[in-house]
Amino acid sequence: MDVNKLKYYIADRGESLSTYERALGISKTALYRKMRGQTEFTRDEIEKTIRFLRLSEADTISVFFNDVVS
């Protein structure tokens, strides 16, 4: 996961981490754990992120699956 890209897209869309965590339906603590890599985003949370931030397929891959792509 590329946290910097995620933060970029949140800011680029004029949103805040607070509105993002509410859109996902998770607590601030849970979001920070996910962003630090202590826990993983669920499929549902990734889908909510795509809708909330209006991410393209390429953007989604670069944020959530960048360590998988070679």
PDB file of N, CA and C in Angstrom:
ATOM      1  N   MET A   1       0.839  -1.176   0.000  1.00  0.00           N
ATOM      2  CA  MET A   1       0.000   0.000   0.000  1.00  0.00           C
ATOM      3  C   MET A   1       0.885   1.241   0.000  1.00  0.00           C
ATOM      4  N   ASP A   2       0.460   2.237  -0.769  1.00  0.00           N
ATOM      5  CA  ASP A   2       1.179   3.503  -0.833  1.00  0.00           C
ATOM      6  C   ASP A   2       0.372   4.568  -0.082  1.00  0.00           C
ATOM      7  N   VAL A   3       0.733   4.768   1.175  1.00  0.00           N
ATOM      8  CA  VAL A   3       0.006   5.706   2.040  1.00  0.00           C
ATOM      9  C   VAL A   3       0.092   7.131   1.511  1.00  0.00           C
ATOM     10  N   ASN A   4       1.237   7.493   0.982  1.00  0.00           N
ATOM     11  CA  ASN A   4       1.389   8.860   0.465  1.00  0.00           C
ATOM     12  C   ASN A   4       0.442   9.128  -0.693  1.00  0.00           C
ATOM     13  N   LYS A   5       0.254   8.149  -1.567  1.00  0.00           N
ATOM     14  CA  LYS A   5      -0.697   8.324  -2.674  1.00  0.00           C
ATOM     15  C   LYS A   5      -2.121   8.425  -2.148  1.00  0.00           C
ATOM     16  N   LEU A   6      -2.448   7.596  -1.153  1.00  0.00           N
ATOM     17  CA  LEU A   6      -3.788   7.658  -0.567  1.00  0.00           C
ATOM     18  C   LEU A   6      -4.030   9.043   0.016  1.00  0.00           C
ATOM     19  N   LYS A   7      -3.080   9.549   0.783  1.00  0.00           N
ATOM     20  CA  LYS A   7      -3.214  10.887   1.374  1.00  0.00           C
ATOM     21  C   LYS A   7      -3.316  11.957   0.283  1.00  0.00           C
ATOM     22  N   TYR A   8      -2.549  11.772  -0.790  1.00  0.00           N
ATOM     23  CA  TYR A   8      -2.615  12.713  -1.917  1.00  0.00           C
ATOM     24  C   TYR A   8      -4.028  12.753  -2.494  1.00  0.00           C
ATOM     25  N   TYR A   9      -4.597  11.585  -2.778  1.00  0.00           N
ATOM     26  CA  TYR A   9      -5.932  11.549  -3.379  1.00  0.00           C
ATOM     27  C   TYR A   9      -6.987  12.118  -2.437  1.00  0.00           C
ATOM     28  N   ILE A  10      -6.844  11.879  -1.141  1.00  0.00           N
ATOM     29  CA  ILE A  10      -7.790  12.444  -0.172  1.00  0.00           C
ATOM     30  C   ILE A  10      -7.725  13.963  -0.233  1.00  0.00           C
ATOM     31  N   ALA A  11      -6.516  14.523  -0.185  1.00  0.00           N
ATOM     32  CA  ALA A  11      -6.345  15.979  -0.226  1.00  0.00           C
ATOM     33  C   ALA A  11      -6.750  16.548  -1.578  1.00  0.00           C
ATOM     34  N   ASP A  12      -6.387  15.855  -2.666  1.00  0.00           N
ATOM     35  CA  ASP A  12      -6.702  16.312  -4.014  1.00  0.00           C
ATOM     36  C   ASP A  12      -8.197  16.425  -4.240  1.00  0.00           C
ATOM     37  N   ARG A  13      -8.962  15.571  -3.595  1.00  0.00           N
ATOM     38  CA  ARG A  13     -10.425  15.596  -3.733  1.00  0.00           C
ATOM     39  C   ARG A  13     -11.064  16.575  -2.752  1.00  0.00           C
ATOM     40  N   GLY A  14     -10.226  17.281  -1.969  1.00  0.00           N
ATOM     41  CA  GLY A  14     -10.751  18.268  -1.025  1.00  0.00           C
ATOM     42  C   GLY A  14     -11.347  17.660   0.220  1.00  0.00           C
ATOM     43  N   GLU A  15     -10.955  16.450   0.534  1.00  0.00           N
ATOM     44  CA  GLU A  15     -11.474  15.753   1.696  1.00  0.00           C
ATOM     45  C   GLU A  15     -10.428  15.750   2.815  1.00  0.00           C
ATOM     46  N   SER A  16     -10.835  15.328   3.990  1.00  0.00           N
ATOM     47  CA  SER A  16      -9.926  15.207   5.124  1.00  0.00           C
ATOM     48  C   SER A  16      -9.904  13.760   5.582  1.00  0.00           C
ATOM     49  N   LEU A  17      -8.946  13.432   6.420  1.00  0.00           N
ATOM     50  CA  LEU A  17      -8.894  12.072   6.971  1.00  0.00           C
ATOM     51  C   LEU A  17     -10.151  11.779   7.785  1.00  0.00           C
ATOM     52  N   SER A  18     -10.690  12.801   8.451  1.00  0.00           N
ATOM     53  CA  SER A  18     -11.916  12.615   9.244  1.00  0.00           C
ATOM     54  C   SER A  18     -13.101  12.227   8.367  1.00  0.00           C
ATOM     55  N   THR A  19     -13.260  12.909   7.237  1.00  0.00           N
ATOM     56  CA  THR A  19     -14.379  12.563   6.354  1.00  0.00           C
ATOM     57  C   THR A  19     -14.148  11.202   5.708  1.00  0.00           C
ATOM     58  N   TYR A  20     -12.887  10.885   5.441  1.00  0.00           N
ATOM     59  CA  TYR A  20     -12.564   9.587   4.849  1.00  0.00           C
ATOM     60  C   TYR A  20     -12.886   8.455   5.819  1.00  0.00           C
ATOM     61  N   GLU A  21     -12.486   8.594   7.084  1.00  0.00           N
ATOM     62  CA  GLU A  21     -12.771   7.526   8.054  1.00  0.00           C
ATOM     63  C   GLU A  21     -14.274   7.360   8.249  1.00  0.00           C
ATOM     64  N   ARG A  22     -15.017   8.477   8.227  1.00  0.00           N
ATOM     65  CA  ARG A  22     -16.483   8.376   8.345  1.00  0.00           C
ATOM     66  C   ARG A  22     -17.076   7.673   7.127  1.00  0.00           C
ATOM     67  N   ALA A  23     -16.531   7.958   5.936  1.00  0.00           N
ATOM     68  CA  ALA A  23     -17.020   7.306   4.716  1.00  0.00           C
ATOM     69  C   ALA A  23     -16.780   5.803   4.772  1.00  0.00           C
ATOM     70  N   LEU A  24     -15.673   5.402   5.393  1.00  0.00           N
ATOM     71  CA  LEU A  24     -15.379   3.979   5.523  1.00  0.00           C
ATOM     72  C   LEU A  24     -16.165   3.335   6.657  1.00  0.00           C
ATOM     73  N   GLY A  25     -16.626   4.159   7.606  1.00  0.00           N
ATOM     74  CA  GLY A  25     -17.349   3.625   8.752  1.00  0.00           C
ATOM     75  C   GLY A  25     -16.420   3.013   9.795  1.00  0.00           C
ATOM     76  N   ILE A  26     -15.206   3.589   9.915  1.00  0.00           N
ATOM     77  CA  ILE A  26     -14.241   3.081  10.881  1.00  0.00           C
ATOM     78  C   ILE A  26     -13.750   4.227  11.764  1.00  0.00           C
ATOM     79  N   SER A  27     -13.118   3.876  12.861  1.00  0.00           N
ATOM     80  CA  SER A  27     -12.606   4.878  13.787  1.00  0.00           C
ATOM     81  C   SER A  27     -11.285   5.456  13.286  1.00  0.00           C
ATOM     82  N   LYS A  28     -10.904   6.562  13.887  1.00  0.00           N
ATOM     83  CA  LYS A  28      -9.621   7.185  13.579  1.00  0.00           C
ATOM     84  C   LYS A  28      -8.478   6.224  13.872  1.00  0.00           C
ATOM     85  N   THR A  29      -8.568   5.525  14.997  1.00  0.00           N
ATOM     86  CA  THR A  29      -7.541   4.553  15.381  1.00  0.00           C
ATOM     87  C   THR A  29      -7.426   3.440  14.349  1.00  0.00           C
ATOM     88  N   ALA A  30      -8.559   2.926  13.910  1.00  0.00           N
ATOM     89  CA  ALA A  30      -8.556   1.852  12.911  1.00  0.00           C
ATOM     90  C   ALA A  30      -7.936   2.334  11.604  1.00  0.00           C
ATOM     91  N   LEU A  31      -8.253   3.565  11.193  1.00  0.00           N
ATOM     92  CA  LEU A  31      -7.684   4.102   9.951  1.00  0.00           C
ATOM     93  C   LEU A  31      -6.175   4.215  10.063  1.00  0.00           C
ATOM     94  N   TYR A  32      -5.686   4.727  11.169  1.00  0.00           N
ATOM     95  CA  TYR A  32      -4.236   4.882  11.315  1.00  0.00           C
ATOM     96  C   TYR A  32      -3.524   3.538  11.369  1.00  0.00           C
ATOM     97  N   ARG A  33      -4.156   2.534  11.953  1.00  0.00           N
ATOM     98  CA  ARG A  33      -3.565   1.193  11.946  1.00  0.00           C
ATOM     99  C   ARG A  33      -3.445   0.674  10.518  1.00  0.00           C
ATOM    100  N   LYS A  34      -4.466   0.920   9.723  1.00  0.00           N
ATOM    101  CA  LYS A  34      -4.444   0.474   8.330  1.00  0.00           C
ATOM    102  C   LYS A  34      -3.377   1.229   7.541  1.00  0.00           C
ATOM    103  N   MET A  35      -3.255   2.514   7.791  1.00  0.00           N
ATOM    104  CA  MET A  35      -2.293   3.330   7.060  1.00  0.00           C
ATOM    105  C   MET A  35      -0.849   2.999   7.458  1.00  0.00           C
ATOM    106  N   ARG A  36      -0.655   2.516   8.671  1.00  0.00           N
ATOM    107  CA  ARG A  36       0.688   2.106   9.116  1.00  0.00           C
ATOM    108  C   ARG A  36       0.987   0.658   8.742  1.00  0.00           C
ATOM    109  N   GLY A  37       0.008  -0.044   8.179  1.00  0.00           N
ATOM    110  CA  GLY A  37       0.222  -1.419   7.766  1.00  0.00           C
ATOM    111  C   GLY A  37       0.060  -2.436   8.876  1.00  0.00           C
ATOM    112  N   GLN A  38      -0.485  -2.015  10.009  1.00  0.00           N
ATOM    113  CA  GLN A  38      -0.696  -2.948  11.119  1.00  0.00           C
ATOM    114  C   GLN A  38      -1.895  -3.853  10.861  1.00  0.00           C
ATOM    115  N   THR A  39      -2.865  -3.331  10.149  1.00  0.00           N
ATOM    116  CA  THR A  39      -4.016  -4.126   9.714  1.00  0.00           C
ATOM    117  C   THR A  39      -4.249  -3.806   8.241  1.00  0.00           C
ATOM    118  N   GLU A  40      -4.982  -4.664   7.562  1.00  0.00           N
ATOM    119  CA  GLU A  40      -5.222  -4.472   6.133  1.00  0.00           C
ATOM    120  C   GLU A  40      -6.599  -3.877   5.884  1.00  0.00           C
ATOM    121  N   PHE A  41      -6.713  -3.174   4.763  1.00  0.00           N
ATOM    122  CA  PHE A  41      -8.019  -2.696   4.326  1.00  0.00           C
ATOM    123  C   PHE A  41      -8.816  -3.906   3.855  1.00  0.00           C
ATOM    124  N   THR A  42     -10.090  -3.941   4.214  1.00  0.00           N
ATOM    125  CA  THR A  42     -10.956  -5.014   3.732  1.00  0.00           C
ATOM    126  C   THR A  42     -11.384  -4.697   2.305  1.00  0.00           C
ATOM    127  N   ARG A  43     -11.924  -5.687   1.654  1.00  0.00           N
ATOM    128  CA  ARG A  43     -12.430  -5.486   0.287  1.00  0.00           C
ATOM    129  C   ARG A  43     -13.503  -4.402   0.277  1.00  0.00           C
ATOM    130  N   ASP A  44     -14.393  -4.432   1.261  1.00  0.00           N
ATOM    131  CA  ASP A  44     -15.458  -3.438   1.365  1.00  0.00           C
ATOM    132  C   ASP A  44     -14.880  -2.029   1.547  1.00  0.00           C
ATOM    133  N   GLU A  45     -13.839  -1.900   2.362  1.00  0.00           N
ATOM    134  CA  GLU A  45     -13.208  -0.591   2.581  1.00  0.00           C
ATOM    135  C   GLU A  45     -12.518  -0.084   1.320  1.00  0.00           C
ATOM    136  N   ILE A  46     -11.918  -0.983   0.568  1.00  0.00           N
ATOM    137  CA  ILE A  46     -11.301  -0.579  -0.698  1.00  0.00           C
ATOM    138  C   ILE A  46     -12.374  -0.124  -1.680  1.00  0.00           C
ATOM    139  N   GLU A  47     -13.482  -0.840  -1.751  1.00  0.00           N
ATOM    140  CA  GLU A  47     -14.577  -0.447  -2.636  1.00  0.00           C
ATOM    141  C   GLU A  47     -15.158   0.901  -2.232  1.00  0.00           C
ATOM    142  N   LYS A  48     -15.315   1.142  -0.922  1.00  0.00           N
ATOM    143  CA  LYS A  48     -15.804   2.435  -0.439  1.00  0.00           C
ATOM    144  C   LYS A  48     -14.818   3.545  -0.782  1.00  0.00           C
ATOM    145  N   THR A  49     -13.524   3.247  -0.698  1.00  0.00           N
ATOM    146  CA  THR A  49     -12.491   4.225  -1.034  1.00  0.00           C
ATOM    147  C   THR A  49     -12.572   4.595  -2.504  1.00  0.00           C
ATOM    148  N   ILE A  50     -12.737   3.604  -3.364  1.00  0.00           N
ATOM    149  CA  ILE A  50     -12.839   3.843  -4.803  1.00  0.00           C
ATOM    150  C   ILE A  50     -14.002   4.790  -5.098  1.00  0.00           C
ATOM    151  N   ARG A  51     -15.154   4.526  -4.490  1.00  0.00           N
ATOM    152  CA  ARG A  51     -16.327   5.383  -4.716  1.00  0.00           C
ATOM    153  C   ARG A  51     -16.132   6.770  -4.105  1.00  0.00           C
ATOM    154  N   PHE A  52     -15.639   6.815  -2.868  1.00  0.00           N
ATOM    155  CA  PHE A  52     -15.481   8.081  -2.151  1.00  0.00           C
ATOM    156  C   PHE A  52     -14.489   9.006  -2.843  1.00  0.00           C
ATOM    157  N   LEU A  53     -13.369   8.450  -3.298  1.00  0.00           N
ATOM    158  CA  LEU A  53     -12.334   9.259  -3.924  1.00  0.00           C
ATOM    159  C   LEU A  53     -12.406   9.263  -5.453  1.00  0.00           C
ATOM    160  N   ARG A  54     -13.376   8.510  -6.009  1.00  0.00           N
ATOM    161  CA  ARG A  54     -13.559   8.428  -7.458  1.00  0.00           C
ATOM    162  C   ARG A  54     -12.249   8.013  -8.138  1.00  0.00           C
ATOM    163  N   LEU A  55     -11.672   6.926  -7.666  1.00  0.00           N
ATOM    164  CA  LEU A  55     -10.394   6.436  -8.187  1.00  0.00           C
ATOM    165  C   LEU A  55     -10.590   5.604  -9.450  1.00  0.00           C
ATOM    166  N   SER A  56      -9.695   5.777 -10.375  1.00  0.00           N
ATOM    167  CA  SER A  56      -9.685   4.925 -11.559  1.00  0.00           C
ATOM    168  C   SER A  56      -9.073   3.575 -11.172  1.00  0.00           C
ATOM    169  N   GLU A  57      -9.157   2.628 -12.077  1.00  0.00           N
ATOM    170  CA  GLU A  57      -8.558   1.320 -11.817  1.00  0.00           C
ATOM    171  C   GLU A  57      -7.048   1.449 -11.602  1.00  0.00           C
ATOM    172  N   ALA A  58      -6.394   2.250 -12.433  1.00  0.00           N
ATOM    173  CA  ALA A  58      -4.943   2.440 -12.303  1.00  0.00           C
ATOM    174  C   ALA A  58      -4.584   3.103 -10.979  1.00  0.00           C
ATOM    175  N   ASP A  59      -5.374   4.100 -10.565  1.00  0.00           N
ATOM    176  CA  ASP A  59      -5.119   4.761  -9.286  1.00  0.00           C
ATOM    177  C   ASP A  59      -5.314   3.788  -8.125  1.00  0.00           C
ATOM    178  N   THR A  60      -6.344   2.980  -8.206  1.00  0.00           N
ATOM    179  CA  THR A  60      -6.618   1.996  -7.157  1.00  0.00           C
ATOM    180  C   THR A  60      -5.454   1.023  -7.025  1.00  0.00           C
ATOM    181  N   ILE A  61      -4.964   0.537  -8.144  1.00  0.00           N
ATOM    182  CA  ILE A  61      -3.834  -0.396  -8.129  1.00  0.00           C
ATOM    183  C   ILE A  61      -2.601   0.280  -7.545  1.00  0.00           C
ATOM    184  N   SER A  62      -2.353   1.532  -7.932  1.00  0.00           N
ATOM    185  CA  SER A  62      -1.155   2.215  -7.437  1.00  0.00           C
ATOM    186  C   SER A  62      -1.221   2.498  -5.945  1.00  0.00           C
ATOM    187  N   VAL A  63      -2.414   2.664  -5.399  1.00  0.00           N
ATOM    188  CA  VAL A  63      -2.553   2.913  -3.959  1.00  0.00           C
ATOM    189  C   VAL A  63      -2.517   1.615  -3.169  1.00  0.00           C
ATOM    190  N   PHE A  64      -3.368   0.672  -3.532  1.00  0.00           N
ATOM    191  CA  PHE A  64      -3.555  -0.511  -2.690  1.00  0.00           C
ATOM    192  C   PHE A  64      -2.698  -1.717  -3.065  1.00  0.00           C
ATOM    193  N   PHE A  65      -2.275  -1.776  -4.308  1.00  0.00           N
ATOM    194  CA  PHE A  65      -1.574  -3.002  -4.749  1.00  0.00           C
ATOM    195  C   PHE A  65      -0.212  -2.712  -5.358  1.00  0.00           C
ATOM    196  N   ASN A  66       0.402  -1.599  -5.001  1.00  0.00           N
ATOM    197  CA  ASN A  66       1.682  -1.231  -5.612  1.00  0.00           C
ATOM    198  C   ASN A  66       2.789  -2.208  -5.285  1.00  0.00           C
ATOM    199  N   ASP A  67       2.715  -2.880  -4.151  1.00  0.00           N
ATOM    200  CA  ASP A  67       3.761  -3.842  -3.791  1.00  0.00           C
ATOM    201  C   ASP A  67       3.560  -5.183  -4.500  1.00  0.00           C
ATOM    202  N   VAL A  68       2.403  -5.368  -5.142  1.00  0.00           N
ATOM    203  CA  VAL A  68       2.112  -6.611  -5.862  1.00  0.00           C
ATOM    204  C   VAL A  68       2.552  -6.505  -7.314  1.00  0.00           C
ATOM    205  N   VAL A  69       2.449  -5.277  -7.862  1.00  0.00           N
ATOM    206  CA  VAL A  69       2.779  -5.034  -9.266  1.00  0.00           C
ATOM    207  C   VAL A  69       4.296  -4.941  -9.405  1.00  0.00           C
ATOM    208  N   SER A  70       4.849  -5.648 -10.389  1.00  0.00           N
ATOM    209  CA  SER A  70       6.300  -5.572 -10.596  1.00  0.00           C
ATOM    210  C   SER A  70       6.640  -4.773 -11.823  1.00  0.00           C
TER     211      SER A  70
END
